[in-house]
Amino acid sequence: MHRTMATACRHPRVRIVSRHEDTEFVECLECGEVFDSEEFRDMEIEDSAETENVSDES
């Protein structure tokens, strides 16, 4: 079964929920997903790269 999300959450608001040694875990206040802050930074970098690479074809 193929599963897709209707809209991908861009995690506009997050809060730190835990710290373990050198890793911080954050929770998205919109969708509730929990992930480490390094992963969150990687997502932000990918999002900004996608935005820069989009050409205007109107």
PDB file of N, CA and C in Angstrom:
ATOM      1  N   MET A   1       0.839  -1.196   0.000  1.00  0.00           N
ATOM      2  CA  MET A   1       0.000   0.000   0.000  1.00  0.00           C
ATOM      3  C   MET A   1       0.874   1.246   0.000  1.00  0.00           C
ATOM      4  N   HIS A   2       0.624   2.126  -0.937  1.00  0.00           N
ATOM      5  CA  HIS A   2       1.402   3.363  -1.067  1.00  0.00           C
ATOM      6  C   HIS A   2       0.772   4.428  -0.188  1.00  0.00           C
ATOM      7  N   ARG A   3       1.588   5.039   0.650  1.00  0.00           N
ATOM      8  CA  ARG A   3       1.068   6.026   1.599  1.00  0.00           C
ATOM      9  C   ARG A   3       1.725   7.379   1.367  1.00  0.00           C
ATOM     10  N   THR A   4       0.942   8.414   1.186  1.00  0.00           N
ATOM     11  CA  THR A   4       1.476   9.763   1.012  1.00  0.00           C
ATOM     12  C   THR A   4       0.765  10.717   1.953  1.00  0.00           C
ATOM     13  N   MET A   5       1.464  11.747   2.351  1.00  0.00           N
ATOM     14  CA  MET A   5       0.852  12.763   3.201  1.00  0.00           C
ATOM     15  C   MET A   5       0.165  13.783   2.294  1.00  0.00           C
ATOM     16  N   ALA A   6      -0.989  14.243   2.695  1.00  0.00           N
ATOM     17  CA  ALA A   6      -1.735  15.221   1.902  1.00  0.00           C
ATOM     18  C   ALA A   6      -0.920  16.508   1.760  1.00  0.00           C
ATOM     19  N   THR A   7      -0.417  17.002   2.849  1.00  0.00           N
ATOM     20  CA  THR A   7       0.447  18.184   2.818  1.00  0.00           C
ATOM     21  C   THR A   7       1.629  17.935   3.736  1.00  0.00           C
ATOM     22  N   ALA A   8       2.812  18.140   3.215  1.00  0.00           N
ATOM     23  CA  ALA A   8       4.012  17.945   4.020  1.00  0.00           C
ATOM     24  C   ALA A   8       4.154  19.111   4.985  1.00  0.00           C
ATOM     25  N   CYS A   9       4.309  18.803   6.255  1.00  0.00           N
ATOM     26  CA  CYS A   9       4.470  19.847   7.258  1.00  0.00           C
ATOM     27  C   CYS A   9       5.881  20.408   7.157  1.00  0.00           C
ATOM     28  N   ARG A  10       6.002  21.711   7.090  1.00  0.00           N
ATOM     29  CA  ARG A  10       7.320  22.356   7.017  1.00  0.00           C
ATOM     30  C   ARG A  10       7.841  22.704   8.414  1.00  0.00           C
ATOM     31  N   HIS A  11       7.114  22.286   9.444  1.00  0.00           N
ATOM     32  CA  HIS A  11       7.504  22.511  10.837  1.00  0.00           C
ATOM     33  C   HIS A  11       7.829  23.973  11.099  1.00  0.00           C
ATOM     34  N   PRO A  12       6.836  24.850  10.928  1.00  0.00           N
ATOM     35  CA  PRO A  12       7.094  26.287  11.112  1.00  0.00           C
ATOM     36  C   PRO A  12       7.353  26.675  12.568  1.00  0.00           C
ATOM     37  N   ARG A  13       6.814  25.885  13.510  1.00  0.00           N
ATOM     38  CA  ARG A  13       7.011  26.185  14.933  1.00  0.00           C
ATOM     39  C   ARG A  13       7.438  24.915  15.640  1.00  0.00           C
ATOM     40  N   VAL A  14       8.595  24.960  16.268  1.00  0.00           N
ATOM     41  CA  VAL A  14       9.074  23.797  17.015  1.00  0.00           C
ATOM     42  C   VAL A  14       9.463  24.219  18.423  1.00  0.00           C
ATOM     43  N   ARG A  15       9.483  23.231  19.322  1.00  0.00           N
ATOM     44  CA  ARG A  15       9.966  23.499  20.682  1.00  0.00           C
ATOM     45  C   ARG A  15      10.901  22.375  21.077  1.00  0.00           C
ATOM     46  N   ILE A  16      11.894  22.694  21.881  1.00  0.00           N
ATOM     47  CA  ILE A  16      12.841  21.691  22.367  1.00  0.00           C
ATOM     48  C   ILE A  16      12.133  20.849  23.419  1.00  0.00           C
ATOM     49  N   VAL A  17      12.171  19.519  23.247  1.00  0.00           N
ATOM     50  CA  VAL A  17      11.506  18.646  24.203  1.00  0.00           C
ATOM     51  C   VAL A  17      12.495  17.843  25.030  1.00  0.00           C
ATOM     52  N   SER A  18      13.733  17.685  24.542  1.00  0.00           N
ATOM     53  CA  SER A  18      14.703  16.881  25.278  1.00  0.00           C
ATOM     54  C   SER A  18      16.117  17.209  24.824  1.00  0.00           C
ATOM     55  N   ARG A  19      17.064  17.053  25.749  1.00  0.00           N
ATOM     56  CA  ARG A  19      18.480  17.173  25.410  1.00  0.00           C
ATOM     57  C   ARG A  19      19.178  15.940  25.945  1.00  0.00           C
ATOM     58  N   HIS A  20      19.982  15.314  25.099  1.00  0.00           N
ATOM     59  CA  HIS A  20      20.738  14.130  25.519  1.00  0.00           C
ATOM     60  C   HIS A  20      22.157  14.285  25.009  1.00  0.00           C
ATOM     61  N   GLU A  21      23.100  14.455  25.912  1.00  0.00           N
ATOM     62  CA  GLU A  21      24.498  14.716  25.569  1.00  0.00           C
ATOM     63  C   GLU A  21      24.577  15.887  24.599  1.00  0.00           C
ATOM     64  N   ASP A  22      25.021  15.662  23.347  1.00  0.00           N
ATOM     65  CA  ASP A  22      25.171  16.770  22.397  1.00  0.00           C
ATOM     66  C   ASP A  22      23.976  16.922  21.460  1.00  0.00           C
ATOM     67  N   THR A  23      22.891  16.194  21.703  1.00  0.00           N
ATOM     68  CA  THR A  23      21.759  16.193  20.787  1.00  0.00           C
ATOM     69  C   THR A  23      20.537  16.824  21.436  1.00  0.00           C
ATOM     70  N   GLU A  24      19.881  17.711  20.684  1.00  0.00           N
ATOM     71  CA  GLU A  24      18.616  18.298  21.127  1.00  0.00           C
ATOM     72  C   GLU A  24      17.508  17.687  20.292  1.00  0.00           C
ATOM     73  N   PHE A  25      16.400  17.349  20.936  1.00  0.00           N
ATOM     74  CA  PHE A  25      15.240  16.841  20.218  1.00  0.00           C
ATOM     75  C   PHE A  25      14.159  17.903  20.246  1.00  0.00           C
ATOM     76  N   VAL A  26      13.566  18.162  19.082  1.00  0.00           N
ATOM     77  CA  VAL A  26      12.523  19.171  18.982  1.00  0.00           C
ATOM     78  C   VAL A  26      11.223  18.537  18.511  1.00  0.00           C
ATOM     79  N   GLU A  27      10.108  19.147  18.900  1.00  0.00           N
ATOM     80  CA  GLU A  27       8.786  18.682  18.486  1.00  0.00           C
ATOM     81  C   GLU A  27       8.123  19.781  17.680  1.00  0.00           C
ATOM     82  N   CYS A  28       7.542  19.409  16.548  1.00  0.00           N
ATOM     83  CA  CYS A  28       6.788  20.371  15.749  1.00  0.00           C
ATOM     84  C   CYS A  28       5.457  20.631  16.438  1.00  0.00           C
ATOM     85  N   LEU A  29       5.133  21.895  16.663  1.00  0.00           N
ATOM     86  CA  LEU A  29       3.885  22.244  17.326  1.00  0.00           C
ATOM     87  C   LEU A  29       2.689  22.126  16.384  1.00  0.00           C
ATOM     88  N   GLU A  30       2.943  21.965  15.093  1.00  0.00           N
ATOM     89  CA  GLU A  30       1.862  21.822  14.121  1.00  0.00           C
ATOM     90  C   GLU A  30       1.450  20.366  13.951  1.00  0.00           C
ATOM     91  N   CYS A  31       2.433  19.466  13.683  1.00  0.00           N
ATOM     92  CA  CYS A  31       2.088  18.072  13.380  1.00  0.00           C
ATOM     93  C   CYS A  31       2.455  17.097  14.493  1.00  0.00           C
ATOM     94  N   GLY A  32       3.265  17.543  15.473  1.00  0.00           N
ATOM     95  CA  GLY A  32       3.606  16.681  16.602  1.00  0.00           C
ATOM     96  C   GLY A  32       4.802  15.779  16.371  1.00  0.00           C
ATOM     97  N   GLU A  33       5.434  15.857  15.185  1.00  0.00           N
ATOM     98  CA  GLU A  33       6.593  15.017  14.903  1.00  0.00           C
ATOM     99  C   GLU A  33       7.775  15.442  15.772  1.00  0.00           C
ATOM    100  N   VAL A  34       8.520  14.460  16.271  1.00  0.00           N
ATOM    101  CA  VAL A  34       9.701  14.730  17.092  1.00  0.00           C
ATOM    102  C   VAL A  34      10.926  14.267  16.323  1.00  0.00           C
ATOM    103  N   PHE A  35      11.962  15.101  16.285  1.00  0.00           N
ATOM    104  CA  PHE A  35      13.187  14.762  15.575  1.00  0.00           C
ATOM    105  C   PHE A  35      14.331  15.544  16.191  1.00  0.00           C
ATOM    106  N   ASP A  36      15.575  15.154  15.864  1.00  0.00           N
ATOM    107  CA  ASP A  36      16.694  15.887  16.446  1.00  0.00           C
ATOM    108  C   ASP A  36      16.940  17.178  15.675  1.00  0.00           C
ATOM    109  N   SER A  37      17.515  18.153  16.342  1.00  0.00           N
ATOM    110  CA  SER A  37      17.654  19.486  15.767  1.00  0.00           C
ATOM    111  C   SER A  37      18.585  19.497  14.561  1.00  0.00           C
ATOM    112  N   GLU A  38      19.540  18.579  14.499  1.00  0.00           N
ATOM    113  CA  GLU A  38      20.394  18.485  13.308  1.00  0.00           C
ATOM    114  C   GLU A  38      19.554  18.137  12.086  1.00  0.00           C
ATOM    115  N   GLU A  39      18.648  17.183  12.254  1.00  0.00           N
ATOM    116  CA  GLU A  39      17.755  16.778  11.170  1.00  0.00           C
ATOM    117  C   GLU A  39      16.891  17.958  10.743  1.00  0.00           C
ATOM    118  N   PHE A  40      16.429  18.753  11.712  1.00  0.00           N
ATOM    119  CA  PHE A  40      15.598  19.922  11.423  1.00  0.00           C
ATOM    120  C   PHE A  40      16.383  20.939  10.598  1.00  0.00           C
ATOM    121  N   ARG A  41      17.647  21.179  10.951  1.00  0.00           N
ATOM    122  CA  ARG A  41      18.475  22.114  10.181  1.00  0.00           C
ATOM    123  C   ARG A  41      18.670  21.613   8.761  1.00  0.00           C
ATOM    124  N   ASP A  42      18.873  20.305   8.605  1.00  0.00           N
ATOM    125  CA  ASP A  42      19.025  19.734   7.264  1.00  0.00           C
ATOM    126  C   ASP A  42      17.772  19.965   6.435  1.00  0.00           C
ATOM    127  N   MET A  43      16.597  19.815   7.052  1.00  0.00           N
ATOM    128  CA  MET A  43      15.335  20.052   6.344  1.00  0.00           C
ATOM    129  C   MET A  43      15.232  21.507   5.900  1.00  0.00           C
ATOM    130  N   GLU A  44      15.639  22.437   6.756  1.00  0.00           N
ATOM    131  CA  GLU A  44      15.577  23.855   6.401  1.00  0.00           C
ATOM    132  C   GLU A  44      16.501  24.155   5.231  1.00  0.00           C
ATOM    133  N   ILE A  45      17.684  23.559   5.216  1.00  0.00           N
ATOM    134  CA  ILE A  45      18.636  23.759   4.128  1.00  0.00           C
ATOM    135  C   ILE A  45      18.055  23.228   2.816  1.00  0.00           C
ATOM    136  N   GLU A  46      17.458  22.031   2.862  1.00  0.00           N
ATOM    137  CA  GLU A  46      16.846  21.447   1.663  1.00  0.00           C
ATOM    138  C   GLU A  46      15.708  22.328   1.160  1.00  0.00           C
ATOM    139  N   ASP A  47      14.876  22.841   2.070  1.00  0.00           N
ATOM    140  CA  ASP A  47      13.766  23.697   1.676  1.00  0.00           C
ATOM    141  C   ASP A  47      14.257  24.961   0.990  1.00  0.00           C
ATOM    142  N   SER A  48      15.290  25.593   1.524  1.00  0.00           N
ATOM    143  CA  SER A  48      15.784  26.822   0.917  1.00  0.00           C
ATOM    144  C   SER A  48      16.438  26.525  -0.431  1.00  0.00           C
ATOM    145  N   ALA A  49      17.089  25.381  -0.578  1.00  0.00           N
ATOM    146  CA  ALA A  49      17.691  24.999  -1.854  1.00  0.00           C
ATOM    147  C   ALA A  49      16.605  24.753  -2.895  1.00  0.00           C
ATOM    148  N   GLU A  50      15.517  24.092  -2.500  1.00  0.00           N
ATOM    149  CA  GLU A  50      14.399  23.853  -3.412  1.00  0.00           C
ATOM    150  C   GLU A  50      13.807  25.169  -3.889  1.00  0.00           C
ATOM    151  N   THR A  51      13.658  26.109  -2.985  1.00  0.00           N
ATOM    152  CA  THR A  51      13.066  27.392  -3.328  1.00  0.00           C
ATOM    153  C   THR A  51      13.951  28.150  -4.316  1.00  0.00           C
ATOM    154  N   GLU A  52      15.256  28.078  -4.132  1.00  0.00           N
ATOM    155  CA  GLU A  52      16.183  28.785  -5.025  1.00  0.00           C
ATOM    156  C   GLU A  52      16.215  28.163  -6.407  1.00  0.00           C
ATOM    157  N   ASN A  53      15.986  26.847  -6.498  1.00  0.00           N
ATOM    158  CA  ASN A  53      16.077  26.154  -7.780  1.00  0.00           C
ATOM    159  C   ASN A  53      14.793  26.176  -8.590  1.00  0.00           C
ATOM    160  N   VAL A  54      13.722  26.689  -8.029  1.00  0.00           N
ATOM    161  CA  VAL A  54      12.448  26.731  -8.737  1.00  0.00           C
ATOM    162  C   VAL A  54      12.490  27.857  -9.759  1.00  0.00           C
ATOM    163  N   SER A  55      12.189  27.513 -11.031  1.00  0.00           N
ATOM    164  CA  SER A  55      12.188  28.560 -12.065  1.00  0.00           C
ATOM    165  C   SER A  55      10.761  29.058 -12.264  1.00  0.00           C
ATOM    166  N   ASP A  56      10.633  30.306 -12.615  1.00  0.00           N
ATOM    167  CA  ASP A  56       9.321  30.897 -12.798  1.00  0.00           C
ATOM    168  C   ASP A  56       8.870  30.678 -14.240  1.00  0.00           C
ATOM    169  N   GLU A  57       7.887  29.805 -14.422  1.00  0.00           N
ATOM    170  CA  GLU A  57       7.425  29.470 -15.770  1.00  0.00           C
ATOM    171  C   GLU A  57       6.000  29.951 -16.013  1.00  0.00           C
ATOM    172  N   SER A  58       5.765  31.227 -15.777  1.00  0.00           N
ATOM    173  CA  SER A  58       4.394  31.722 -15.967  1.00  0.00           C
ATOM    174  C   SER A  58       4.270  32.557 -17.226  1.00  0.00           C
TER     175      SER A  58
END
